[in-house]
């Protein structure tokens, strides 16, 4: 196995899921050397995570996962590439049935992960730790244990002037991937609470607000911001976003990609969690970072993706987290 030179990783989930999977990059580099060639197959949006990541050689995009191979030019592209330049190892993180035929068709000397091995993942583990079960058969226990999610960043000087950042600031990221969905966003905190938190903290330190351009309608409900706030919603690419997060004193967010990026850049992060499991769904805690989930631990939670959540008409697990609770957690950890 030590002659391994070229590896393909398949991870086509949301950005937070992709961040979780990046622990495999360090594990492979520890195991097979820093000159290992690593390619990724991922979704077009999430794969922007790798735009400035020198550890990644090539990224293949897969926009439509369910389209059969015969009708998918993107699936054909990765298959044909692997026929010309076979991989030493393929690591598949995807469990969905549409990936079974794709994994079978891609040419690799060894295939590990879902559809290739019997993988028994303990449920009560953080998802960052769960990811390691997909490739533990090809990496030593020592290298598994010292591998954690990591994302690329820029030099702070490359963004400080561009975004008018001070040397010290706090990042607040109020949105999450469900912000534009109809119905109750069970992972959302009250808008009035975000406004109160921003107003309070901006009197003490510069606040940087992060979010996606597609979430403008949500962020307009939080405006106008106080003077000591830098609005970067929709103004950064992912490399810049990673860097803004990296140099913050602390990040406050709900369950979102920002939380996972914070953990991967070793920036202290406070995550407001209601319906989600604070063990499995929190940003991955390591010896090098600080993750502080805030949860009321109600009898009905965690309930994410269960019948309990579907029947819930009032997400008190989030509503009853008060701004004071968050402020006290911030003040005790910066």
Protein backbone atom coordinates (compact mmCIF):
# COMPACT_ATOMS: atom_id res chain seq x y z
CA UNK A 1 0.00 0.00 0.00
CA UNK A 2 2.94 2.36 0.44
CA UNK A 3 3.26 2.76 -3.35
CA UNK A 4 -0.09 4.53 -3.48
CA UNK A 5 0.14 7.71 -5.58
CA UNK A 6 -3.33 8.67 -6.78
CA UNK A 7 -6.64 8.68 -4.88
CA UNK A 8 -10.20 9.74 -5.72
CA UNK A 9 -12.59 10.85 -2.98
CA UNK A 10 -16.34 10.98 -3.58
CA UNK A 11 -18.24 13.39 -1.31
CA UNK A 12 -21.24 15.16 -2.83
CA UNK A 13 -23.12 16.54 0.17
CA UNK A 14 -23.63 20.06 1.49
CA UNK A 15 -20.69 22.30 2.36
CA UNK A 16 -20.67 21.28 6.02
CA UNK A 17 -20.53 17.60 5.04
CA UNK A 18 -17.62 18.30 2.73
CA UNK A 19 -15.76 20.11 5.53
CA UNK A 20 -16.25 17.07 7.78
CA UNK A 21 -14.70 14.85 5.10
CA UNK A 22 -11.50 16.89 4.80
CA UNK A 23 -9.92 14.96 7.66
CA UNK A 24 -9.27 12.27 5.03
CA UNK A 25 -6.88 14.62 3.22
CA UNK A 26 -4.52 14.91 6.16
CA UNK A 27 -4.85 11.19 6.92
CA UNK A 28 -3.79 10.28 3.37
CA UNK A 29 -0.89 12.73 3.39
CA UNK A 30 0.32 11.33 6.72
CA UNK A 31 -0.01 7.75 5.47
CA UNK A 32 1.30 8.03 1.90
CA UNK A 33 3.33 11.23 1.83
CA UNK A 34 2.66 14.87 0.96
CA UNK A 35 3.19 14.23 -2.75
CA UNK A 36 0.07 12.03 -2.91
CA UNK A 37 -2.30 13.07 -5.71
CA UNK A 38 -5.82 13.62 -4.36
CA UNK A 39 -8.83 14.25 -6.61
CA UNK A 40 -12.38 14.95 -5.40
CA UNK A 41 -15.81 14.38 -6.91
CA UNK A 42 -18.21 16.88 -5.35
CA UNK A 43 -21.08 19.26 -6.08
CA UNK A 44 -20.26 22.49 -7.94
CA UNK A 45 -21.19 24.78 -5.05
CA UNK A 46 -19.55 22.90 -2.21
CA UNK A 47 -16.40 22.11 -4.18
CA UNK A 48 -15.49 25.80 -4.21
CA UNK A 49 -14.05 24.91 -0.81
CA UNK A 50 -11.01 23.59 -2.69
CA UNK A 51 -10.40 26.56 -5.01
CA UNK A 52 -7.21 27.61 -3.22
CA UNK A 53 -6.41 24.28 -1.56
CA UNK A 54 -3.02 23.15 -2.87
CA UNK A 55 -3.52 19.70 -1.36
CA UNK A 56 -6.16 18.90 -3.98
CA UNK A 57 -5.10 18.12 -7.55
CA UNK A 58 -8.36 18.03 -9.47
CA UNK A 59 -12.05 18.47 -8.66
CA UNK A 60 -14.78 16.81 -10.70
CA UNK A 61 -18.28 18.27 -10.42
CA UNK A 62 -21.52 16.34 -10.07
CA UNK A 63 -24.56 18.60 -10.11
CA UNK A 64 -27.34 16.04 -10.60
CA UNK A 65 -26.75 12.93 -8.50
CA UNK A 66 -29.80 10.90 -9.54
CA UNK A 67 -29.38 11.12 -13.32
CA UNK A 68 -28.30 7.71 -14.71
CA UNK A 69 -24.77 7.44 -16.06
CA UNK A 70 -26.02 7.13 -19.65
CA UNK A 71 -27.57 10.62 -19.47
CA UNK A 72 -24.94 12.29 -17.26
CA UNK A 73 -21.98 13.91 -19.00
CA UNK A 74 -20.42 14.63 -15.60
CA UNK A 75 -20.57 10.99 -14.48
CA UNK A 76 -19.19 9.88 -17.84
CA UNK A 77 -16.34 12.38 -17.49
CA UNK A 78 -15.02 10.92 -14.24
CA UNK A 79 -15.46 7.35 -15.49
CA UNK A 80 -13.58 8.05 -18.72
CA UNK A 81 -10.84 9.89 -16.87
CA UNK A 82 -10.35 6.92 -14.55
CA UNK A 83 -10.11 4.57 -17.54
CA UNK A 84 -7.26 6.63 -18.98
CA UNK A 85 -5.58 7.25 -15.63
CA UNK A 86 -6.75 4.60 -13.13
CA UNK A 87 -6.76 5.49 -9.46
CA UNK A 88 -4.84 3.50 -6.89
CA UNK A 89 -7.66 3.98 -4.38
CA UNK A 90 -11.25 5.21 -4.54
CA UNK A 91 -12.84 6.36 -1.25
CA UNK A 92 -16.62 6.69 -1.38
CA UNK A 93 -18.48 8.59 1.35
CA UNK A 94 -21.84 8.57 -0.44
CA UNK A 95 -24.54 6.14 0.68
CA UNK A 96 -27.23 7.01 -1.88
CA UNK A 97 -28.16 4.31 -4.41
CA UNK A 98 -27.39 6.56 -7.43
CA UNK A 99 -23.72 6.32 -6.45
CA UNK A 100 -23.58 2.53 -6.45
CA UNK A 101 -23.33 2.16 -10.23
CA UNK A 102 -20.94 5.12 -10.46
CA UNK A 103 -18.56 3.64 -7.90
CA UNK A 104 -18.67 0.33 -9.76
CA UNK A 105 -17.80 1.96 -13.10
CA UNK A 106 -14.92 4.14 -11.91
CA UNK A 107 -11.59 2.40 -12.43
CA UNK A 108 -9.48 2.01 -9.28
CA UNK A 109 -7.18 -0.74 -8.04
CA UNK A 110 -8.79 -0.64 -4.60
CA UNK A 111 -12.16 0.72 -3.53
CA UNK A 112 -13.10 1.48 0.07
CA UNK A 113 -16.03 3.14 1.77
CA UNK A 114 -19.73 2.62 1.11
CA UNK A 115 -20.72 -0.10 -1.39
CA UNK A 116 -17.22 -1.58 -1.09
CA UNK A 117 -16.95 -2.64 2.56
CA UNK A 118 -19.16 -3.57 5.46
CA UNK A 119 -19.04 -0.37 7.48
CA UNK A 120 -20.49 -0.36 10.99
CA UNK A 121 -20.56 3.23 12.23
CA UNK A 122 -21.41 3.89 15.90
CA UNK A 123 -24.29 6.37 15.88
CA UNK A 124 -23.30 8.33 18.98
CA UNK A 125 -20.15 9.77 17.46
CA UNK A 126 -19.61 13.19 15.98
CA UNK A 127 -20.02 13.04 12.21
CA UNK A 128 -16.45 14.18 11.82
CA UNK A 129 -15.37 11.03 13.64
CA UNK A 130 -17.89 8.92 11.74
CA UNK A 131 -16.23 9.96 8.46
CA UNK A 132 -13.09 8.09 9.44
CA UNK A 133 -14.89 4.75 9.30
CA UNK A 134 -15.08 5.10 5.52
CA UNK A 135 -11.31 4.93 5.08
CA UNK A 136 -9.96 3.38 8.27
CA UNK A 137 -9.03 0.19 6.39
CA UNK A 138 -6.33 2.03 4.42
CA UNK A 139 -4.93 4.33 7.12
CA UNK A 140 -3.13 3.37 10.33
CA UNK A 141 -4.82 4.00 13.65
CA UNK A 142 -2.08 6.47 14.56
CA UNK A 143 -2.68 8.58 11.45
CA UNK A 144 -6.45 8.36 11.83
CA UNK A 145 -6.28 9.70 15.35
CA UNK A 146 -4.17 12.72 14.41
CA UNK A 147 -6.19 13.71 11.35
CA UNK A 148 -8.84 16.42 11.60
CA UNK A 149 -10.86 18.57 9.20
CA UNK A 150 -8.78 21.35 7.72
CA UNK A 151 -9.58 23.97 5.07
CA UNK A 152 -7.35 26.35 3.17
CA UNK A 153 -7.07 30.03 4.10
CA UNK A 154 -5.45 33.15 2.69
CA UNK A 155 -3.08 35.55 4.41
CA UNK A 156 -4.97 37.94 6.68
CA UNK A 157 -3.37 40.89 4.91
CA UNK A 158 -5.08 39.75 1.69
CA UNK A 159 -8.52 40.37 3.19
CA UNK A 160 -8.05 42.90 6.00
CA UNK A 161 -7.95 45.99 3.79
CA UNK A 162 -10.43 44.65 1.27
CA UNK A 163 -13.11 44.15 3.91
CA UNK A 164 -12.11 46.91 6.37
CA UNK A 165 -11.39 44.50 9.18
CA UNK A 166 -9.80 45.46 12.46
CA UNK A 167 -7.26 43.27 14.22
CA UNK A 168 -9.96 42.00 16.57
CA UNK A 169 -13.54 41.16 15.66
CA UNK A 170 -16.34 38.68 16.26
CA UNK A 171 -18.13 36.83 13.46
CA UNK A 172 -21.89 36.36 13.60
CA UNK A 173 -23.53 34.05 11.05
CA UNK A 174 -27.28 33.99 11.74
CA UNK A 175 -28.45 31.93 8.75
CA UNK A 176 -28.31 28.27 7.80
CA UNK A 177 -29.12 26.12 4.78
CA UNK A 178 -32.84 26.08 5.61
CA UNK A 179 -33.27 29.85 5.72
CA UNK A 180 -35.05 30.04 2.36
CA UNK A 181 -37.29 27.02 2.84
CA UNK A 182 -41.02 27.31 3.40
CA UNK A 183 -42.48 26.60 6.80
CA UNK A 184 -40.68 26.61 10.13
CA UNK A 185 -36.90 26.75 10.07
CA UNK A 186 -36.39 24.57 13.13
CA UNK A 187 -32.69 25.45 13.32
CA UNK A 188 -33.31 29.21 13.35
CA UNK A 189 -32.92 31.60 16.29
CA UNK A 190 -35.33 34.51 16.67
CA UNK A 191 -34.54 37.54 14.47
CA UNK A 192 -35.09 39.86 17.42
CA UNK A 193 -32.48 37.91 19.39
CA UNK A 194 -29.89 38.32 16.63
CA UNK A 195 -30.62 42.04 16.54
CA UNK A 196 -30.21 42.29 20.31
CA UNK A 197 -26.96 40.31 20.24
CA UNK A 198 -25.47 42.38 17.41
CA UNK A 199 -26.44 45.66 19.08
CA UNK A 200 -24.92 44.61 22.39
CA UNK A 201 -21.64 43.20 21.04
CA UNK A 202 -21.06 45.99 18.51
CA UNK A 203 -20.65 48.43 21.41
CA UNK A 204 -17.65 46.42 22.58
CA UNK A 205 -15.96 45.06 19.44
CA UNK A 206 -16.24 45.05 15.65
CA UNK A 207 -18.90 42.61 14.41
CA UNK A 208 -18.61 40.87 11.04
CA UNK A 209 -21.85 39.43 9.65
CA UNK A 210 -21.48 36.48 7.25
CA UNK A 211 -23.98 34.82 4.95
CA UNK A 212 -24.74 33.93 1.34
CA UNK A 213 -26.00 36.32 -1.31
CA UNK A 214 -29.08 34.13 -1.79
CA UNK A 215 -30.06 34.91 1.81
CA UNK A 216 -30.44 38.68 1.33
CA UNK A 217 -34.15 38.63 2.16
CA UNK A 218 -33.43 37.09 5.55
CA UNK A 219 -30.61 39.49 6.39
CA UNK A 220 -32.72 42.51 5.44
CA UNK A 221 -34.92 41.64 8.42
CA UNK A 222 -31.93 42.21 10.73
CA UNK A 223 -31.10 45.66 9.37
CA UNK A 224 -30.21 48.43 9.85
CA UNK A 225 -27.01 47.33 11.55
CA UNK A 226 -25.24 49.47 14.15
CA UNK A 227 -22.19 51.46 13.04
CA UNK A 228 -19.58 49.00 14.29
CA UNK A 229 -20.68 46.21 11.95
CA UNK A 230 -19.10 45.01 8.70
CA UNK A 231 -21.68 43.41 6.42
CA UNK A 232 -20.00 40.71 4.33
CA UNK A 233 -23.15 38.84 3.31
CA UNK A 234 -22.60 37.60 -0.23
CA UNK A 235 -19.33 39.52 -0.57
CA UNK A 236 -16.76 36.76 -0.03
CA UNK A 237 -15.73 33.66 -1.92
CA UNK A 238 -15.21 30.54 0.19
CA UNK A 239 -11.45 31.06 0.60
CA UNK A 240 -12.10 34.60 1.84
CA UNK A 241 -14.90 33.33 4.07
CA UNK A 242 -12.56 30.73 5.59
CA UNK A 243 -9.98 33.43 6.25
CA UNK A 244 -12.43 35.87 7.85
CA UNK A 245 -13.52 33.04 10.14
CA UNK A 246 -9.95 31.95 10.89
CA UNK A 247 -8.91 35.33 12.30
CA UNK A 248 -12.05 36.04 14.34
CA UNK A 249 -11.84 35.97 18.12
CA UNK A 250 -14.97 33.83 18.19
CA UNK A 251 -17.83 32.81 15.87
CA UNK A 252 -21.52 32.64 16.79
CA UNK A 253 -23.84 30.68 14.52
CA UNK A 254 -26.62 28.12 14.27
CA UNK A 255 -26.02 24.63 12.90
CA UNK A 256 -24.45 25.58 9.57
CA UNK A 257 -21.37 25.27 7.37
CA UNK A 258 -19.87 28.31 9.13
CA UNK A 259 -19.71 26.32 12.36
CA UNK A 260 -17.86 23.46 10.69
CA UNK A 261 -15.46 25.83 8.94
CA UNK A 262 -14.78 27.52 12.29
CA UNK A 263 -13.82 24.20 13.84
CA UNK A 264 -11.66 23.33 10.82
CA UNK A 265 -9.75 26.63 11.16
CA UNK A 266 -9.42 26.20 14.96
CA UNK A 267 -11.49 29.31 15.68
CA UNK A 268 -13.61 29.16 18.86
CA UNK A 269 -17.24 28.69 17.88
CA UNK A 270 -20.53 28.94 19.75
CA UNK A 271 -23.27 26.96 18.01
CA UNK A 272 -26.94 27.42 18.88
CA UNK A 273 -28.53 23.99 18.60
CA UNK A 274 -32.16 23.07 19.15
CA UNK A 275 -33.42 20.08 17.15
CA UNK A 276 -29.94 18.80 16.33
CA UNK A 277 -27.89 16.32 18.31
CA UNK A 278 -25.09 18.15 20.12
CA UNK A 279 -22.86 15.08 19.94
CA UNK A 280 -23.25 13.97 16.33
CA UNK A 281 -24.07 17.29 14.63
CA UNK A 282 -21.78 19.77 16.37
CA UNK A 283 -18.64 21.03 14.66
CA UNK A 284 -15.88 18.47 15.17
CA UNK A 285 -14.09 19.14 18.45
CA UNK A 286 -10.33 18.46 18.40
CA UNK A 287 -7.36 19.11 20.72
CA UNK A 288 -6.70 22.28 18.71
CA UNK A 289 -10.09 24.00 18.71
CA UNK A 290 -12.91 25.01 21.02
CA UNK A 291 -16.52 24.15 20.23
CA UNK A 292 -19.31 25.36 22.49
CA UNK A 293 -22.77 24.01 21.60
CA UNK A 294 -25.64 25.77 23.37
CA UNK A 295 -28.64 23.49 23.82
CA UNK A 296 -31.55 23.48 26.25
CA UNK A 297 -31.60 19.67 26.06
CA UNK A 298 -35.38 19.51 26.19
CA UNK A 299 -37.14 16.18 26.57
CA UNK A 300 -38.27 16.39 22.94
CA UNK A 301 -34.82 17.08 21.54
CA UNK A 302 -32.85 16.14 19.58
CA UNK A 303 -35.64 15.60 17.06
CA UNK A 304 -34.06 16.52 13.73
CA UNK A 305 -35.58 14.60 10.79
CA UNK A 306 -38.00 12.72 13.08
CA UNK A 307 -41.78 12.61 13.36
CA UNK A 308 -41.49 14.78 16.48
CA UNK A 309 -39.99 17.61 14.47
CA UNK A 310 -42.55 17.21 11.68
CA UNK A 311 -45.35 17.67 14.22
CA UNK A 312 -43.66 20.59 16.00
CA UNK A 313 -45.43 23.93 15.55
CA UNK A 314 -43.21 26.00 17.82
CA UNK A 315 -39.47 25.36 18.01
CA UNK A 316 -39.07 26.36 21.65
CA UNK A 317 -35.73 24.50 21.70
CA UNK A 318 -34.34 27.52 19.82
CA UNK A 319 -36.74 30.26 20.90
CA UNK A 320 -36.01 29.69 24.58
CA UNK A 321 -32.27 30.16 24.15
CA UNK A 322 -32.01 33.74 25.36
CA UNK A 323 -29.57 36.40 24.13
CA UNK A 324 -28.29 36.61 27.71
CA UNK A 325 -27.28 32.94 27.63
CA UNK A 326 -25.31 33.51 24.45
CA UNK A 327 -23.73 36.72 25.69
CA UNK A 328 -22.60 35.05 28.90
CA UNK A 329 -21.06 32.20 26.91
CA UNK A 330 -19.21 34.68 24.68
CA UNK A 331 -17.92 36.79 27.53
CA UNK A 332 -16.65 33.73 29.39
CA UNK A 333 -14.73 32.44 26.38
CA UNK A 334 -13.00 35.44 24.78
